[in-house]
């Protein structure tokens, strides 16, 4: 059996979930799952037909740790938004 890891998550045989399956698990729409992938919140691979597939391991992690799915706030530079210091 081949061990396929992407961004540290197992994408090997038996580990792939469709966008609809992920959406059902989180009780959101498939478009939300696609947006999370586009934003980099979820890693995915694409089939030859271009359909996204998600790691069961990753999704189970986020189901148990929902705060880790939240986006991170952009970091401000010291001295304010314009980079000037007082």
PDB file of N, CA and C in Angstrom:
ATOM      1  N   UNK A   1       0.834  -1.176   0.000  1.00  0.00           N
ATOM      2  CA  UNK A   1       0.000   0.000   0.000  1.00  0.00           C
ATOM      3  C   UNK A   1       0.889   1.254   0.000  1.00  0.00           C
ATOM      4  N   UNK A   2       0.532   2.226  -0.791  1.00  0.00           N
ATOM      5  CA  UNK A   2       1.310   3.444  -0.931  1.00  0.00           C
ATOM      6  C   UNK A   2       0.859   4.454   0.120  1.00  0.00           C
ATOM      7  N   UNK A   3       1.829   5.079   0.793  1.00  0.00           N
ATOM      8  CA  UNK A   3       1.537   6.113   1.780  1.00  0.00           C
ATOM      9  C   UNK A   3       1.724   7.466   1.103  1.00  0.00           C
ATOM     10  N   UNK A   4       0.626   8.156   0.848  1.00  0.00           N
ATOM     11  CA  UNK A   4       0.669   9.458   0.175  1.00  0.00           C
ATOM     12  C   UNK A   4       0.344  10.527   1.201  1.00  0.00           C
ATOM     13  N   UNK A   5       1.305  11.445   1.426  1.00  0.00           N
ATOM     14  CA  UNK A   5       1.080  12.531   2.386  1.00  0.00           C
ATOM     15  C   UNK A   5       1.228  13.860   1.655  1.00  0.00           C
ATOM     16  N   UNK A   6       0.283  14.770   1.932  1.00  0.00           N
ATOM     17  CA  UNK A   6       0.314  16.118   1.384  1.00  0.00           C
ATOM     18  C   UNK A   6       0.121  17.064   2.558  1.00  0.00           C
ATOM     19  N   UNK A   7       1.045  18.008   2.724  1.00  0.00           N
ATOM     20  CA  UNK A   7       0.989  18.953   3.846  1.00  0.00           C
ATOM     21  C   UNK A   7       0.878  18.221   5.182  1.00  0.00           C
ATOM     22  N   UNK A   8       1.452  17.014   5.264  1.00  0.00           N
ATOM     23  CA  UNK A   8       1.438  16.240   6.499  1.00  0.00           C
ATOM     24  C   UNK A   8       0.213  15.362   6.698  1.00  0.00           C
ATOM     25  N   UNK A   9      -0.782  15.453   5.804  1.00  0.00           N
ATOM     26  CA  UNK A   9      -2.025  14.687   5.942  1.00  0.00           C
ATOM     27  C   UNK A   9      -1.996  13.470   5.032  1.00  0.00           C
ATOM     28  N   UNK A  10      -2.624  12.382   5.482  1.00  0.00           N
ATOM     29  CA  UNK A  10      -2.675  11.130   4.731  1.00  0.00           C
ATOM     30  C   UNK A  10      -3.715  11.226   3.612  1.00  0.00           C
ATOM     31  N   UNK A  11      -3.258  11.130   2.363  1.00  0.00           N
ATOM     32  CA  UNK A  11      -4.136  11.125   1.199  1.00  0.00           C
ATOM     33  C   UNK A  11      -4.064   9.779   0.481  1.00  0.00           C
ATOM     34  N   UNK A  12      -3.705   8.734   1.217  1.00  0.00           N
ATOM     35  CA  UNK A  12      -3.564   7.407   0.639  1.00  0.00           C
ATOM     36  C   UNK A  12      -4.906   6.742   0.368  1.00  0.00           C
ATOM     37  N   UNK A  13      -4.852   5.516  -0.157  1.00  0.00           N
ATOM     38  CA  UNK A  13      -6.073   4.766  -0.457  1.00  0.00           C
ATOM     39  C   UNK A  13      -6.978   4.639   0.769  1.00  0.00           C
ATOM     40  N   UNK A  14      -8.258   4.822   0.562  1.00  0.00           N
ATOM     41  CA  UNK A  14      -9.227   4.716   1.641  1.00  0.00           C
ATOM     42  C   UNK A  14      -9.333   5.947   2.515  1.00  0.00           C
ATOM     43  N   UNK A  15      -8.551   6.972   2.215  1.00  0.00           N
ATOM     44  CA  UNK A  15      -8.534   8.177   3.046  1.00  0.00           C
ATOM     45  C   UNK A  15      -9.180   9.386   2.376  1.00  0.00           C
ATOM     46  N   UNK A  16      -9.651   9.233   1.157  1.00  0.00           N
ATOM     47  CA  UNK A  16     -10.147  10.383   0.410  1.00  0.00           C
ATOM     48  C   UNK A  16     -11.641  10.604   0.600  1.00  0.00           C
ATOM     49  N   UNK A  17     -11.999  11.859   0.833  1.00  0.00           N
ATOM     50  CA  UNK A  17     -13.399  12.257   0.969  1.00  0.00           C
ATOM     51  C   UNK A  17     -13.739  13.258  -0.131  1.00  0.00           C
ATOM     52  N   UNK A  18     -14.957  13.193  -0.614  1.00  0.00           N
ATOM     53  CA  UNK A  18     -15.427  14.143  -1.626  1.00  0.00           C
ATOM     54  C   UNK A  18     -15.819  15.448  -0.948  1.00  0.00           C
ATOM     55  N   UNK A  19     -15.928  16.531  -1.713  1.00  0.00           N
ATOM     56  CA  UNK A  19     -16.396  17.793  -1.133  1.00  0.00           C
ATOM     57  C   UNK A  19     -17.772  17.652  -0.472  1.00  0.00           C
ATOM     58  N   UNK A  20     -18.660  16.871  -1.061  1.00  0.00           N
ATOM     59  CA  UNK A  20     -19.989  16.666  -0.480  1.00  0.00           C
ATOM     60  C   UNK A  20     -19.931  15.952   0.858  1.00  0.00           C
ATOM     61  N   UNK A  21     -19.038  14.961   0.968  1.00  0.00           N
ATOM     62  CA  UNK A  21     -18.895  14.241   2.234  1.00  0.00           C
ATOM     63  C   UNK A  21     -18.366  15.171   3.327  1.00  0.00           C
ATOM     64  N   UNK A  22     -17.382  15.991   2.966  1.00  0.00           N
ATOM     65  CA  UNK A  22     -16.824  16.946   3.929  1.00  0.00           C
ATOM     66  C   UNK A  22     -17.892  17.957   4.337  1.00  0.00           C
ATOM     67  N   UNK A  23     -18.644  18.456   3.360  1.00  0.00           N
ATOM     68  CA  UNK A  23     -19.709  19.423   3.643  1.00  0.00           C
ATOM     69  C   UNK A  23     -20.732  18.825   4.608  1.00  0.00           C
ATOM     70  N   UNK A  24     -21.111  17.576   4.395  1.00  0.00           N
ATOM     71  CA  UNK A  24     -22.067  16.913   5.289  1.00  0.00           C
ATOM     72  C   UNK A  24     -21.509  16.812   6.711  1.00  0.00           C
ATOM     73  N   UNK A  25     -20.226  16.502   6.830  1.00  0.00           N
ATOM     74  CA  UNK A  25     -19.614  16.343   8.146  1.00  0.00           C
ATOM     75  C   UNK A  25     -19.617  17.657   8.928  1.00  0.00           C
ATOM     76  N   UNK A  26     -19.358  18.782   8.218  1.00  0.00           N
ATOM     77  CA  UNK A  26     -19.310  20.090   8.869  1.00  0.00           C
ATOM     78  C   UNK A  26     -20.668  20.800   8.865  1.00  0.00           C
ATOM     79  N   UNK A  27     -21.643  20.179   8.185  1.00  0.00           N
ATOM     80  CA  UNK A  27     -22.981  20.780   8.045  1.00  0.00           C
ATOM     81  C   UNK A  27     -22.919  22.156   7.387  1.00  0.00           C
ATOM     82  N   UNK A  28     -22.162  22.206   6.282  1.00  0.00           N
ATOM     83  CA  UNK A  28     -22.060  23.399   5.439  1.00  0.00           C
ATOM     84  C   UNK A  28     -22.288  22.952   4.001  1.00  0.00           C
ATOM     85  N   UNK A  29     -22.332  23.884   3.088  1.00  0.00           N
ATOM     86  CA  UNK A  29     -22.478  23.547   1.679  1.00  0.00           C
ATOM     87  C   UNK A  29     -21.133  23.220   1.036  1.00  0.00           C
ATOM     88  N   UNK A  30     -21.153  22.488  -0.083  1.00  0.00           N
ATOM     89  CA  UNK A  30     -19.908  22.170  -0.799  1.00  0.00           C
ATOM     90  C   UNK A  30     -19.136  23.417  -1.237  1.00  0.00           C
ATOM     91  N   UNK A  31     -19.853  24.513  -1.512  1.00  0.00           N
ATOM     92  CA  UNK A  31     -19.166  25.756  -1.906  1.00  0.00           C
ATOM     93  C   UNK A  31     -18.313  26.287  -0.756  1.00  0.00           C
ATOM     94  N   UNK A  32     -18.772  26.101   0.477  1.00  0.00           N
ATOM     95  CA  UNK A  32     -17.990  26.530   1.640  1.00  0.00           C
ATOM     96  C   UNK A  32     -16.723  25.703   1.756  1.00  0.00           C
ATOM     97  N   UNK A  33     -16.832  24.406   1.527  1.00  0.00           N
ATOM     98  CA  UNK A  33     -15.655  23.531   1.564  1.00  0.00           C
ATOM     99  C   UNK A  33     -14.666  23.960   0.483  1.00  0.00           C
ATOM    100  N   UNK A  34     -15.148  24.268  -0.719  1.00  0.00           N
ATOM    101  CA  UNK A  34     -14.274  24.727  -1.799  1.00  0.00           C
ATOM    102  C   UNK A  34     -13.592  26.043  -1.411  1.00  0.00           C
ATOM    103  N   UNK A  35     -14.333  26.952  -0.783  1.00  0.00           N
ATOM    104  CA  UNK A  35     -13.755  28.228  -0.363  1.00  0.00           C
ATOM    105  C   UNK A  35     -12.665  27.997   0.670  1.00  0.00           C
ATOM    106  N   UNK A  36     -12.908  27.092   1.652  1.00  0.00           N
ATOM    107  CA  UNK A  36     -11.891  26.791   2.649  1.00  0.00           C
ATOM    108  C   UNK A  36     -10.621  26.256   1.988  1.00  0.00           C
ATOM    109  N   UNK A  37     -10.783  25.437   0.961  1.00  0.00           N
ATOM    110  CA  UNK A  37      -9.615  24.912   0.239  1.00  0.00           C
ATOM    111  C   UNK A  37      -8.903  26.039  -0.504  1.00  0.00           C
ATOM    112  N   UNK A  38      -9.676  26.916  -1.160  1.00  0.00           N
ATOM    113  CA  UNK A  38      -9.080  28.046  -1.885  1.00  0.00           C
ATOM    114  C   UNK A  38      -8.325  28.986  -0.945  1.00  0.00           C
ATOM    115  N   UNK A  39      -8.840  29.129   0.280  1.00  0.00           N
ATOM    116  CA  UNK A  39      -8.208  30.001   1.275  1.00  0.00           C
ATOM    117  C   UNK A  39      -7.023  29.334   1.974  1.00  0.00           C
ATOM    118  N   UNK A  40      -6.794  28.048   1.694  1.00  0.00           N
ATOM    119  CA  UNK A  40      -5.686  27.338   2.306  1.00  0.00           C
ATOM    120  C   UNK A  40      -5.987  26.757   3.675  1.00  0.00           C
ATOM    121  N   UNK A  41      -7.253  26.800   4.088  1.00  0.00           N
ATOM    122  CA  UNK A  41      -7.628  26.234   5.389  1.00  0.00           C
ATOM    123  C   UNK A  41      -7.634  24.714   5.350  1.00  0.00           C
ATOM    124  N   UNK A  42      -7.967  24.136   4.188  1.00  0.00           N
ATOM    125  CA  UNK A  42      -7.979  22.691   3.998  1.00  0.00           C
ATOM    126  C   UNK A  42      -7.059  22.336   2.846  1.00  0.00           C
ATOM    127  N   UNK A  43      -6.271  21.288   3.021  1.00  0.00           N
ATOM    128  CA  UNK A  43      -5.456  20.766   1.930  1.00  0.00           C
ATOM    129  C   UNK A  43      -6.309  19.811   1.111  1.00  0.00           C
ATOM    130  N   UNK A  44      -6.029  19.751  -0.175  1.00  0.00           N
ATOM    131  CA  UNK A  44      -6.747  18.805  -1.022  1.00  0.00           C
ATOM    132  C   UNK A  44      -5.862  18.390  -2.185  1.00  0.00           C
ATOM    133  N   UNK A  45      -6.264  17.317  -2.814  1.00  0.00           N
ATOM    134  CA  UNK A  45      -5.677  16.895  -4.081  1.00  0.00           C
ATOM    135  C   UNK A  45      -6.815  16.915  -5.087  1.00  0.00           C
ATOM    136  N   UNK A  46      -6.465  16.875  -6.356  1.00  0.00           N
ATOM    137  CA  UNK A  46      -7.497  16.858  -7.400  1.00  0.00           C
ATOM    138  C   UNK A  46      -7.369  15.587  -8.222  1.00  0.00           C
ATOM    139  N   UNK A  47      -8.519  15.052  -8.604  1.00  0.00           N
ATOM    140  CA  UNK A  47      -8.538  13.882  -9.480  1.00  0.00           C
ATOM    141  C   UNK A  47      -8.148  14.323 -10.883  1.00  0.00           C
ATOM    142  N   UNK A  48      -7.963  13.369 -11.776  1.00  0.00           N
ATOM    143  CA  UNK A  48      -7.663  13.716 -13.165  1.00  0.00           C
ATOM    144  C   UNK A  48      -8.778  14.561 -13.778  1.00  0.00           C
ATOM    145  N   UNK A  49      -9.994  14.399 -13.287  1.00  0.00           N
ATOM    146  CA  UNK A  49     -11.124  15.191 -13.764  1.00  0.00           C
ATOM    147  C   UNK A  49     -11.243  16.550 -13.096  1.00  0.00           C
ATOM    148  N   UNK A  50     -10.331  16.860 -12.163  1.00  0.00           N
ATOM    149  CA  UNK A  50     -10.318  18.163 -11.511  1.00  0.00           C
ATOM    150  C   UNK A  50     -11.155  18.269 -10.243  1.00  0.00           C
ATOM    151  N   UNK A  51     -11.706  17.139  -9.790  1.00  0.00           N
ATOM    152  CA  UNK A  51     -12.537  17.148  -8.587  1.00  0.00           C
ATOM    153  C   UNK A  51     -11.638  17.083  -7.354  1.00  0.00           C
ATOM    154  N   UNK A  52     -11.927  17.911  -6.369  1.00  0.00           N
ATOM    155  CA  UNK A  52     -11.137  17.924  -5.141  1.00  0.00           C
ATOM    156  C   UNK A  52     -11.424  16.670  -4.309  1.00  0.00           C
ATOM    157  N   UNK A  53     -10.384  16.222  -3.612  1.00  0.00           N
ATOM    158  CA  UNK A  53     -10.513  15.146  -2.629  1.00  0.00           C
ATOM    159  C   UNK A  53      -9.770  15.592  -1.378  1.00  0.00           C
ATOM    160  N   UNK A  54     -10.363  15.294  -0.226  1.00  0.00           N
ATOM    161  CA  UNK A  54      -9.832  15.737   1.052  1.00  0.00           C
ATOM    162  C   UNK A  54      -9.414  14.542   1.886  1.00  0.00           C
ATOM    163  N   UNK A  55      -8.442  14.757   2.767  1.00  0.00           N
ATOM    164  CA  UNK A  55      -7.922  13.712   3.638  1.00  0.00           C
ATOM    165  C   UNK A  55      -8.869  13.476   4.807  1.00  0.00           C
ATOM    166  N   UNK A  56      -9.294  12.229   4.976  1.00  0.00           N
ATOM    167  CA  UNK A  56     -10.138  11.873   6.119  1.00  0.00           C
ATOM    168  C   UNK A  56      -9.430  12.236   7.424  1.00  0.00           C
ATOM    169  N   UNK A  57      -8.124  11.982   7.497  1.00  0.00           N
ATOM    170  CA  UNK A  57      -7.340  12.284   8.698  1.00  0.00           C
ATOM    171  C   UNK A  57      -7.416  13.778   9.029  1.00  0.00           C
ATOM    172  N   UNK A  58      -7.255  14.614   8.018  1.00  0.00           N
ATOM    173  CA  UNK A  58      -7.305  16.064   8.209  1.00  0.00           C
ATOM    174  C   UNK A  58      -8.694  16.517   8.669  1.00  0.00           C
ATOM    175  N   UNK A  59      -9.731  16.010   8.024  1.00  0.00           N
ATOM    176  CA  UNK A  59     -11.093  16.405   8.353  1.00  0.00           C
ATOM    177  C   UNK A  59     -11.443  15.965   9.770  1.00  0.00           C
ATOM    178  N   UNK A  60     -11.063  14.745  10.152  1.00  0.00           N
ATOM    179  CA  UNK A  60     -11.319  14.289  11.514  1.00  0.00           C
ATOM    180  C   UNK A  60     -10.583  15.153  12.530  1.00  0.00           C
ATOM    181  N   UNK A  61      -9.365  15.588  12.187  1.00  0.00           N
ATOM    182  CA  UNK A  61      -8.620  16.484  13.076  1.00  0.00           C
ATOM    183  C   UNK A  61      -9.401  17.784  13.289  1.00  0.00           C
ATOM    184  N   UNK A  62      -9.893  18.381  12.198  1.00  0.00           N
ATOM    185  CA  UNK A  62     -10.620  19.635  12.314  1.00  0.00           C
ATOM    186  C   UNK A  62     -11.980  19.465  12.985  1.00  0.00           C
ATOM    187  N   UNK A  63     -12.588  18.304  12.840  1.00  0.00           N
ATOM    188  CA  UNK A  63     -13.847  18.042  13.532  1.00  0.00           C
ATOM    189  C   UNK A  63     -13.618  18.032  15.050  1.00  0.00           C
ATOM    190  N   UNK A  64     -12.477  17.511  15.471  1.00  0.00           N
ATOM    191  CA  UNK A  64     -12.144  17.441  16.897  1.00  0.00           C
ATOM    192  C   UNK A  64     -11.495  18.721  17.422  1.00  0.00           C
ATOM    193  N   UNK A  65     -10.995  19.575  16.510  1.00  0.00           N
ATOM    194  CA  UNK A  65     -10.307  20.820  16.879  1.00  0.00           C
ATOM    195  C   UNK A  65     -10.794  21.944  15.973  1.00  0.00           C
ATOM    196  N   UNK A  66     -12.062  22.347  16.088  1.00  0.00           N
ATOM    197  CA  UNK A  66     -12.624  23.317  15.140  1.00  0.00           C
ATOM    198  C   UNK A  66     -11.916  24.669  15.126  1.00  0.00           C
ATOM    199  N   UNK A  67     -11.294  25.063  16.234  1.00  0.00           N
ATOM    200  CA  UNK A  67     -10.597  26.353  16.254  1.00  0.00           C
ATOM    201  C   UNK A  67      -9.393  26.360  15.326  1.00  0.00           C
ATOM    202  N   UNK A  68      -8.831  25.189  15.034  1.00  0.00           N
ATOM    203  CA  UNK A  68      -7.658  25.140  14.158  1.00  0.00           C
ATOM    204  C   UNK A  68      -8.034  25.349  12.694  1.00  0.00           C
ATOM    205  N   UNK A  69      -9.334  25.331  12.376  1.00  0.00           N
ATOM    206  CA  UNK A  69      -9.791  25.599  11.014  1.00  0.00           C
ATOM    207  C   UNK A  69      -9.987  27.091  10.771  1.00  0.00           C
ATOM    208  N   UNK A  70     -10.068  27.867  11.848  1.00  0.00           N
ATOM    209  CA  UNK A  70     -10.307  29.311  11.722  1.00  0.00           C
ATOM    210  C   UNK A  70      -9.108  29.983  11.059  1.00  0.00           C
ATOM    211  N   UNK A  71      -9.366  31.028  10.277  1.00  0.00           N
ATOM    212  CA  UNK A  71      -8.257  31.742   9.640  1.00  0.00           C
ATOM    213  C   UNK A  71      -7.420  32.457  10.682  1.00  0.00           C
ATOM    214  N   UNK A  72      -6.161  32.649  10.380  1.00  0.00           N
ATOM    215  CA  UNK A  72      -5.295  33.387  11.280  1.00  0.00           C
ATOM    216  C   UNK A  72      -5.337  34.854  10.903  1.00  0.00           C
ATOM    217  N   UNK A  73      -5.234  35.720  11.893  1.00  0.00           N
ATOM    218  CA  UNK A  73      -5.254  37.165  11.643  1.00  0.00           C
ATOM    219  C   UNK A  73      -3.934  37.583  11.020  1.00  0.00           C
ATOM    220  N   UNK A  74      -3.964  38.546  10.092  1.00  0.00           N
ATOM    221  CA  UNK A  74      -2.705  39.017   9.503  1.00  0.00           C
ATOM    222  C   UNK A  74      -1.857  39.694  10.579  1.00  0.00           C
ATOM    223  N   UNK A  75      -0.565  39.524  10.455  1.00  0.00           N
ATOM    224  CA  UNK A  75       0.352  40.113  11.431  1.00  0.00           C
ATOM    225  C   UNK A  75       0.612  41.564  11.059  1.00  0.00           C
ATOM    226  N   UNK A  76       0.569  42.440  12.059  1.00  0.00           N
ATOM    227  CA  UNK A  76       0.897  43.844  11.839  1.00  0.00           C
ATOM    228  C   UNK A  76       2.376  44.036  12.111  1.00  0.00           C
ATOM    229  N   UNK A  77       2.980  44.919  11.335  1.00  0.00           N
ATOM    230  CA  UNK A  77       4.375  45.256  11.583  1.00  0.00           C
ATOM    231  C   UNK A  77       4.462  46.152  12.802  1.00  0.00           C
ATOM    232  N   UNK A  78       5.556  46.085  13.504  1.00  0.00           N
ATOM    233  CA  UNK A  78       5.760  46.970  14.649  1.00  0.00           C
ATOM    234  C   UNK A  78       5.733  48.403  14.178  1.00  0.00           C
ATOM    235  N   UNK A  79       5.076  49.265  14.913  1.00  0.00           N
ATOM    236  CA  UNK A  79       5.049  50.663  14.533  1.00  0.00           C
ATOM    237  C   UNK A  79       3.773  51.057  13.823  1.00  0.00           C
ATOM    238  N   UNK A  80       2.833  50.155  13.656  1.00  0.00           N
ATOM    239  CA  UNK A  80       1.566  50.523  13.037  1.00  0.00           C
ATOM    240  C   UNK A  80       1.418  49.985  11.641  1.00  0.00           C
ATOM    241  N   UNK A  81       0.286  50.288  11.034  1.00  0.00           N
ATOM    242  CA  UNK A  81      -0.024  49.739   9.726  1.00  0.00           C
ATOM    243  C   UNK A  81       0.849  50.315   8.619  1.00  0.00           C
ATOM    244  N   UNK A  82       1.278  51.574   8.759  1.00  0.00           N
ATOM    245  CA  UNK A  82       2.066  52.180   7.687  1.00  0.00           C
ATOM    246  C   UNK A  82       3.554  51.963   7.842  1.00  0.00           C
ATOM    247  N   UNK A  83       3.959  51.269   8.901  1.00  0.00           N
ATOM    248  CA  UNK A  83       5.354  50.949   9.099  1.00  0.00           C
ATOM    249  C   UNK A  83       6.144  52.050   9.787  1.00  0.00           C
ATOM    250  N   UNK A  84       5.504  53.203  10.066  1.00  0.00           N
ATOM    251  CA  UNK A  84       6.204  54.298  10.719  1.00  0.00           C
ATOM    252  C   UNK A  84       6.179  54.103  12.216  1.00  0.00           C
ATOM    253  N   UNK A  85       7.229  54.549  12.867  1.00  0.00           N
ATOM    254  CA  UNK A  85       7.282  54.475  14.317  1.00  0.00           C
ATOM    255  C   UNK A  85       7.007  55.845  14.898  1.00  0.00           C
ATOM    256  N   UNK A  86       6.511  55.881  16.125  1.00  0.00           N
ATOM    257  CA  UNK A  86       6.193  57.152  16.775  1.00  0.00           C
ATOM    258  C   UNK A  86       7.405  57.748  17.407  1.00  0.00           C
TER     259      UNK A  86
END
